[in-house]
């Protein structure tokens, strides 16, 4: 995690962050989000209670001096006021507010149940703000093929392999970047997902072919990270930013820029095509995607309902109306 956030936290928050990363196995990104959310919350508490000069800018308020007494004195009412503040003053949307509520719930569960510095958990009856449910964007089969067909250039084998794995295996960006040589087997690939949880994803012929073609041209000499499968032009493990640039480049080349597509949308595309056109069972899809809850995966069944509605509306008889005049003559 970001050491600056770690150092800018009080001891209880530091202990919590270490616990979440080392014991619970949360990713550095998730732990960073906890740190940022808790810093904002305790800045608000200090300002609300007059524990800091009103002239001090909110972003300059330090929280390393927040003590156990302050943490334990937080009430549900304080949290409600905080939620009003981040909605009205910081303009956080429902999704961001829901994440911040989750951070508070996780922290106070730890403070109450694990270390016992809080006798009554103020978040026990705290409801999570409802997030707007929106269907994920995804490429059509034709658009996916257009992207693949347009991949060219000096690193075409590598880039083709990257996008092929995204579109066939529904990988997350971090999962693809983290692939090592030892993770690739004859007919499956081992990836490390959220919470450092490993899962195996079987490879189809397109993936196996793309991997073998890339292996033939992948640099092996002067490579700084010999374990990494995908290598940058500098001989290092390819970075998330570089992968994003590659995806955006070939989306643009296929005439698909400006439509809200991204690396994560390729994951949605793979899942959608598997479910809608491949007939994959929703429980199997859950395992492929690495979701903890089936409810997360069920959004793809909603996509299917949308398609069914569209199919009915596309019927050649969809616009036929009852002929009143004809009825009168008979």
Protein backbone atom coordinates (compact mmCIF):
# COMPACT_ATOMS: atom_id res chain seq x y z
CA UNK A 1 0.00 0.00 0.00
CA UNK A 2 0.98 3.67 -0.26
CA UNK A 3 3.44 4.20 2.63
CA UNK A 4 2.41 7.86 2.87
CA UNK A 5 -1.16 6.88 3.74
CA UNK A 6 0.15 4.31 6.20
CA UNK A 7 2.30 6.87 8.01
CA UNK A 8 -0.53 9.42 8.07
CA UNK A 9 -2.79 7.12 10.11
CA UNK A 10 -3.24 6.66 13.85
CA UNK A 11 -1.99 3.42 15.43
CA UNK A 12 -5.41 1.73 15.47
CA UNK A 13 -5.95 2.44 11.77
CA UNK A 14 -2.39 1.30 10.97
CA UNK A 15 -2.99 -1.98 12.81
CA UNK A 16 -6.27 -2.41 10.93
CA UNK A 17 -4.61 -1.82 7.55
CA UNK A 18 -1.85 -4.32 8.33
CA UNK A 19 -4.46 -6.85 9.45
CA UNK A 20 -6.48 -6.45 6.26
CA UNK A 21 -3.44 -6.88 4.02
CA UNK A 22 -1.51 -9.60 5.85
CA UNK A 23 -4.24 -11.64 7.56
CA UNK A 24 -7.29 -11.05 5.38
CA UNK A 25 -5.20 -11.01 2.19
CA UNK A 26 -6.73 -7.85 0.73
CA UNK A 27 -4.97 -6.32 -2.26
CA UNK A 28 -2.83 -3.17 -1.84
CA UNK A 29 -5.43 -1.26 -3.86
CA UNK A 30 -8.25 -2.29 -1.50
CA UNK A 31 -6.16 -1.44 1.57
CA UNK A 32 -5.37 1.97 0.05
CA UNK A 33 -9.10 2.59 -0.35
CA UNK A 34 -9.65 1.71 3.32
CA UNK A 35 -6.88 4.15 4.29
CA UNK A 36 -8.29 6.98 2.18
CA UNK A 37 -11.87 6.42 3.36
CA UNK A 38 -10.91 6.32 7.04
CA UNK A 39 -8.71 9.40 6.68
CA UNK A 40 -11.61 11.36 5.18
CA UNK A 41 -13.97 10.13 7.90
CA UNK A 42 -11.74 11.06 10.83
CA UNK A 43 -10.90 14.41 9.25
CA UNK A 44 -14.65 15.05 9.24
CA UNK A 45 -14.97 13.94 12.89
CA UNK A 46 -12.12 16.22 13.99
CA UNK A 47 -13.62 19.21 12.19
CA UNK A 48 -17.14 18.46 13.46
CA UNK A 49 -15.94 18.32 17.06
CA UNK A 50 -13.72 21.39 16.83
CA UNK A 51 -10.54 19.36 17.31
CA UNK A 52 -8.78 21.32 14.57
CA UNK A 53 -8.53 25.00 13.73
CA UNK A 54 -11.36 25.97 11.37
CA UNK A 55 -8.83 27.81 9.19
CA UNK A 56 -7.02 24.57 8.36
CA UNK A 57 -7.98 23.23 4.94
CA UNK A 58 -9.89 19.94 5.13
CA UNK A 59 -7.26 18.11 3.05
CA UNK A 60 -4.51 19.27 5.43
CA UNK A 61 -6.14 17.87 8.58
CA UNK A 62 -3.91 15.16 10.07
CA UNK A 63 -5.44 12.03 11.59
CA UNK A 64 -2.34 10.42 13.08
CA UNK A 65 -3.38 11.85 16.47
CA UNK A 66 -6.84 10.28 16.49
CA UNK A 67 -6.97 8.26 19.70
CA UNK A 68 -8.94 5.23 20.87
CA UNK A 69 -11.34 7.45 22.82
CA UNK A 70 -12.29 9.38 19.66
CA UNK A 71 -12.74 6.18 17.66
CA UNK A 72 -14.92 4.63 20.37
CA UNK A 73 -17.06 7.76 20.78
CA UNK A 74 -18.35 7.79 17.19
CA UNK A 75 -22.12 7.32 16.97
CA UNK A 76 -24.48 6.31 14.21
CA UNK A 77 -25.61 9.95 14.12
CA UNK A 78 -22.05 11.07 13.42
CA UNK A 79 -21.90 8.66 10.50
CA UNK A 80 -25.22 9.90 9.09
CA UNK A 81 -23.89 13.48 9.21
CA UNK A 82 -20.73 12.29 7.47
CA UNK A 83 -22.77 10.67 4.70
CA UNK A 84 -24.69 13.93 4.20
CA UNK A 85 -21.35 15.77 4.03
CA UNK A 86 -19.77 13.51 1.40
CA UNK A 87 -22.95 13.62 -0.67
CA UNK A 88 -23.59 17.37 -0.55
CA UNK A 89 -20.10 18.81 -0.11
CA UNK A 90 -17.84 16.25 -1.80
CA UNK A 91 -20.49 15.18 -4.34
CA UNK A 92 -19.81 11.47 -3.88
CA UNK A 93 -22.20 9.30 -5.87
CA UNK A 94 -24.10 6.35 -4.42
CA UNK A 95 -21.42 3.86 -5.44
CA UNK A 96 -18.65 5.84 -3.72
CA UNK A 97 -20.78 6.38 -0.61
CA UNK A 98 -21.53 2.65 -0.49
CA UNK A 99 -17.81 1.87 -0.60
CA UNK A 100 -17.12 4.33 2.23
CA UNK A 101 -19.88 2.79 4.33
CA UNK A 102 -18.32 -0.62 3.69
CA UNK A 103 -14.93 0.71 4.85
CA UNK A 104 -16.46 2.01 8.08
CA UNK A 105 -18.35 -1.22 8.70
CA UNK A 106 -15.20 -3.29 8.17
CA UNK A 107 -13.09 -1.02 10.39
CA UNK A 108 -15.55 -0.93 13.28
CA UNK A 109 -16.15 -4.68 13.09
CA UNK A 110 -12.39 -5.07 13.52
CA UNK A 111 -12.26 -2.48 16.34
CA UNK A 112 -15.17 -4.12 18.14
CA UNK A 113 -14.78 -7.85 17.50
CA UNK A 114 -11.04 -8.29 16.93
CA UNK A 115 -9.29 -5.87 19.26
CA UNK A 116 -12.13 -4.85 21.56
CA UNK A 117 -11.38 -1.13 21.75
CA UNK A 118 -15.01 -0.33 20.87
CA UNK A 119 -17.76 -1.76 23.08
CA UNK A 120 -20.69 -0.92 20.81
CA UNK A 121 -20.30 -1.02 17.05
CA UNK A 122 -21.93 2.20 15.68
CA UNK A 123 -22.24 0.69 12.20
CA UNK A 124 -24.20 -2.41 13.23
CA UNK A 125 -27.50 -0.92 11.99
CA UNK A 126 -25.98 1.24 9.25
CA UNK A 127 -27.55 0.57 5.87
CA UNK A 128 -25.53 0.78 2.69
CA UNK A 129 -26.68 3.45 0.19
CA UNK A 130 -28.47 1.86 -2.73
CA UNK A 131 -26.39 1.87 -5.87
CA UNK A 132 -27.95 2.41 -9.25
CA UNK A 133 -28.01 -0.92 -11.04
CA UNK A 134 -26.82 -0.46 -14.59
CA UNK A 135 -26.14 -3.09 -17.19
CA UNK A 136 -22.44 -3.42 -18.04
CA UNK A 137 -21.32 -2.29 -21.46
CA UNK A 138 -19.83 -4.93 -23.70
CA UNK A 139 -18.65 -5.42 -27.26
CA UNK A 140 -20.76 -7.38 -29.69
CA UNK A 141 -19.28 -10.49 -31.30
CA UNK A 142 -18.73 -8.52 -34.51
CA UNK A 143 -16.98 -5.68 -32.67
CA UNK A 144 -14.77 -8.16 -30.80
CA UNK A 145 -13.69 -9.78 -34.05
CA UNK A 146 -13.00 -6.37 -35.59
CA UNK A 147 -10.67 -5.47 -32.70
CA UNK A 148 -8.76 -8.75 -33.00
CA UNK A 149 -8.45 -8.50 -36.78
CA UNK A 150 -6.96 -5.00 -36.53
CA UNK A 151 -4.06 -5.85 -34.21
CA UNK A 152 -0.75 -5.16 -35.92
CA UNK A 153 2.60 -3.55 -35.28
CA UNK A 154 5.92 -4.50 -33.72
CA UNK A 155 4.39 -6.26 -30.71
CA UNK A 156 1.38 -7.72 -32.49
CA UNK A 157 1.82 -11.26 -31.10
CA UNK A 158 1.95 -9.99 -27.52
CA UNK A 159 -0.92 -7.56 -27.96
CA UNK A 160 -3.05 -10.13 -29.78
CA UNK A 161 -2.45 -12.60 -26.95
CA UNK A 162 -3.40 -10.00 -24.30
CA UNK A 163 -6.69 -9.07 -25.94
CA UNK A 164 -7.49 -12.71 -26.77
CA UNK A 165 -7.14 -13.66 -23.10
CA UNK A 166 -9.33 -10.74 -22.04
CA UNK A 167 -12.05 -11.66 -24.51
CA UNK A 168 -11.98 -15.41 -23.84
CA UNK A 169 -11.06 -15.76 -20.18
CA UNK A 170 -12.76 -12.68 -18.66
CA UNK A 171 -9.62 -11.69 -16.78
CA UNK A 172 -9.25 -8.63 -14.59
CA UNK A 173 -6.46 -6.22 -15.52
CA UNK A 174 -4.44 -7.08 -12.40
CA UNK A 175 -4.86 -10.80 -13.10
CA UNK A 176 -3.46 -10.53 -16.62
CA UNK A 177 -0.51 -8.35 -15.60
CA UNK A 178 0.34 -10.78 -12.79
CA UNK A 179 0.57 -13.88 -15.01
CA UNK A 180 3.89 -15.72 -14.69
CA UNK A 181 5.35 -18.40 -16.93
CA UNK A 182 4.69 -20.99 -14.25
CA UNK A 183 1.00 -20.09 -14.26
CA UNK A 184 0.49 -21.26 -17.84
CA UNK A 185 -0.22 -24.96 -18.32
CA UNK A 186 -1.19 -27.10 -21.27
CA UNK A 187 -4.91 -26.34 -21.21
CA UNK A 188 -5.44 -23.95 -18.30
CA UNK A 189 -4.01 -20.83 -16.72
CA UNK A 190 -3.74 -20.04 -13.02
CA UNK A 191 -4.58 -16.47 -12.04
CA UNK A 192 -4.56 -14.65 -8.72
CA UNK A 193 -7.70 -12.60 -8.18
CA UNK A 194 -9.11 -10.40 -5.43
CA UNK A 195 -8.02 -11.29 -1.94
CA UNK A 196 -5.07 -13.25 -3.38
CA UNK A 197 -7.45 -16.05 -4.27
CA UNK A 198 -6.15 -18.34 -6.99
CA UNK A 199 -8.35 -19.99 -9.60
CA UNK A 200 -7.77 -22.00 -12.75
CA UNK A 201 -9.28 -20.91 -16.06
CA UNK A 202 -9.31 -23.38 -18.92
CA UNK A 203 -7.89 -22.24 -22.23
CA UNK A 204 -9.67 -22.71 -25.54
CA UNK A 205 -7.92 -23.21 -28.88
CA UNK A 206 -7.78 -19.48 -29.62
CA UNK A 207 -6.00 -18.78 -26.32
CA UNK A 208 -3.56 -21.68 -26.68
CA UNK A 209 -2.70 -20.60 -30.21
CA UNK A 210 -2.20 -16.96 -29.18
CA UNK A 211 -0.01 -17.97 -26.22
CA UNK A 212 2.18 -20.25 -28.36
CA UNK A 213 2.61 -17.57 -31.03
CA UNK A 214 3.66 -15.03 -28.41
CA UNK A 215 6.09 -17.46 -26.75
CA UNK A 216 8.03 -17.69 -30.03
CA UNK A 217 8.74 -13.95 -30.14
CA UNK A 218 8.78 -13.07 -26.43
CA UNK A 219 12.22 -11.69 -25.43
CA UNK A 220 14.24 -13.98 -23.17
CA UNK A 221 17.58 -12.17 -23.02
CA UNK A 222 18.07 -8.99 -20.99
CA UNK A 223 14.70 -9.47 -19.34
CA UNK A 224 14.58 -8.01 -15.84
CA UNK A 225 11.56 -10.00 -14.66
CA UNK A 226 12.15 -13.47 -16.07
CA UNK A 227 9.07 -14.94 -14.38
CA UNK A 228 6.65 -12.44 -15.93
CA UNK A 229 4.86 -13.74 -19.01
CA UNK A 230 3.97 -10.42 -20.61
CA UNK A 231 7.04 -8.22 -21.07
CA UNK A 232 7.24 -4.53 -21.94
CA UNK A 233 9.66 -3.07 -24.49
CA UNK A 234 11.95 -2.23 -21.54
CA UNK A 235 12.25 -5.89 -20.53
CA UNK A 236 10.08 -5.50 -17.44
CA UNK A 237 6.73 -7.00 -16.47
CA UNK A 238 4.15 -5.13 -18.49
CA UNK A 239 2.37 -2.45 -16.44
CA UNK A 240 -1.40 -1.99 -16.07
CA UNK A 241 -1.09 1.43 -17.71
CA UNK A 242 0.62 -0.07 -20.77
CA UNK A 243 -2.06 -2.75 -21.11
CA UNK A 244 -4.76 -0.07 -20.91
CA UNK A 245 -2.99 1.92 -23.62
CA UNK A 246 -2.81 -1.18 -25.85
CA UNK A 247 -6.53 -1.87 -25.45
CA UNK A 248 -7.54 1.75 -26.08
CA UNK A 249 -5.29 1.86 -29.14
CA UNK A 250 -6.92 -1.09 -30.87
CA UNK A 251 -10.43 -0.10 -29.79
CA UNK A 252 -9.77 3.24 -31.46
CA UNK A 253 -8.31 1.51 -34.52
CA UNK A 254 -11.51 -0.54 -34.80
CA UNK A 255 -13.60 2.65 -34.71
CA UNK A 256 -14.90 1.92 -31.19
CA UNK A 257 -13.46 4.86 -29.24
CA UNK A 258 -15.83 7.18 -27.42
CA UNK A 259 -18.32 4.39 -26.66
CA UNK A 260 -17.27 3.84 -23.06
CA UNK A 261 -15.31 0.67 -23.77
CA UNK A 262 -12.26 -0.15 -21.65
CA UNK A 263 -10.13 -3.04 -20.40
CA UNK A 264 -12.81 -3.98 -17.87
CA UNK A 265 -15.44 -3.90 -20.61
CA UNK A 266 -13.51 -6.69 -22.34
CA UNK A 267 -14.08 -8.77 -19.20
CA UNK A 268 -17.79 -7.96 -19.41
CA UNK A 269 -17.71 -8.89 -23.09
CA UNK A 270 -16.19 -12.30 -22.39
CA UNK A 271 -18.73 -13.06 -19.66
CA UNK A 272 -21.66 -11.85 -21.75
CA UNK A 273 -20.69 -13.88 -24.81
CA UNK A 274 -20.15 -16.99 -22.67
CA UNK A 275 -23.55 -16.66 -21.04
CA UNK A 276 -25.66 -15.49 -23.96
CA UNK A 277 -24.11 -17.30 -26.90
CA UNK A 278 -22.13 -20.07 -25.21
CA UNK A 279 -24.94 -21.18 -22.91
CA UNK A 280 -22.63 -21.27 -19.88
CA UNK A 281 -24.41 -21.98 -16.58
CA UNK A 282 -24.47 -18.96 -14.27
CA UNK A 283 -22.75 -20.93 -11.46
CA UNK A 284 -19.93 -21.94 -13.78
CA UNK A 285 -19.61 -18.34 -14.95
CA UNK A 286 -19.30 -17.25 -11.30
CA UNK A 287 -16.28 -19.51 -10.87
CA UNK A 288 -14.66 -18.32 -14.11
CA UNK A 289 -15.08 -14.67 -13.10
CA UNK A 290 -13.89 -15.26 -9.55
CA UNK A 291 -16.96 -13.68 -7.96
CA UNK A 292 -17.57 -14.33 -4.26
CA UNK A 293 -21.34 -13.99 -4.58
CA UNK A 294 -23.66 -15.37 -7.23
CA UNK A 295 -25.67 -12.14 -7.06
CA UNK A 296 -22.70 -10.31 -8.61
CA UNK A 297 -22.73 -12.66 -11.57
CA UNK A 298 -26.50 -12.49 -12.03
CA UNK A 299 -26.25 -9.15 -13.84
CA UNK A 300 -25.49 -11.19 -16.96
CA UNK A 301 -28.90 -12.86 -16.69
CA UNK A 302 -30.43 -9.37 -16.76
CA UNK A 303 -28.57 -8.74 -19.99
CA UNK A 304 -30.22 -11.83 -21.41
CA UNK A 305 -33.65 -10.47 -20.42
CA UNK A 306 -32.85 -7.26 -22.24
CA UNK A 307 -32.00 -9.23 -25.35
CA UNK A 308 -35.23 -11.20 -25.07
CA UNK A 309 -37.23 -7.97 -24.89
CA UNK A 310 -35.37 -6.67 -27.94
CA UNK A 311 -36.06 -9.91 -29.80
CA UNK A 312 -39.82 -9.62 -29.21
CA UNK A 313 -39.80 -5.97 -30.25
CA UNK A 314 -37.95 -6.93 -33.46
CA UNK A 315 -40.73 -9.21 -34.62
CA UNK A 316 -42.10 -8.20 -38.06
CA UNK A 317 -45.57 -8.20 -36.46
CA UNK A 318 -44.54 -5.89 -33.60
CA UNK A 319 -46.15 -2.79 -35.12
CA UNK A 320 -49.36 -4.32 -36.48
CA UNK A 321 -52.45 -2.59 -35.05
CA UNK A 322 -56.11 -3.57 -34.93
CA UNK A 323 -57.97 -2.20 -37.99
CA UNK A 324 -61.09 -0.51 -36.59
CA UNK A 325 -62.47 0.48 -39.99
CA UNK A 326 -62.40 -3.09 -41.23
CA UNK A 327 -64.23 -4.20 -38.11
CA UNK A 328 -67.10 -1.73 -38.79
CA UNK A 329 -67.66 -2.98 -42.35
CA UNK A 330 -68.09 -6.53 -41.19
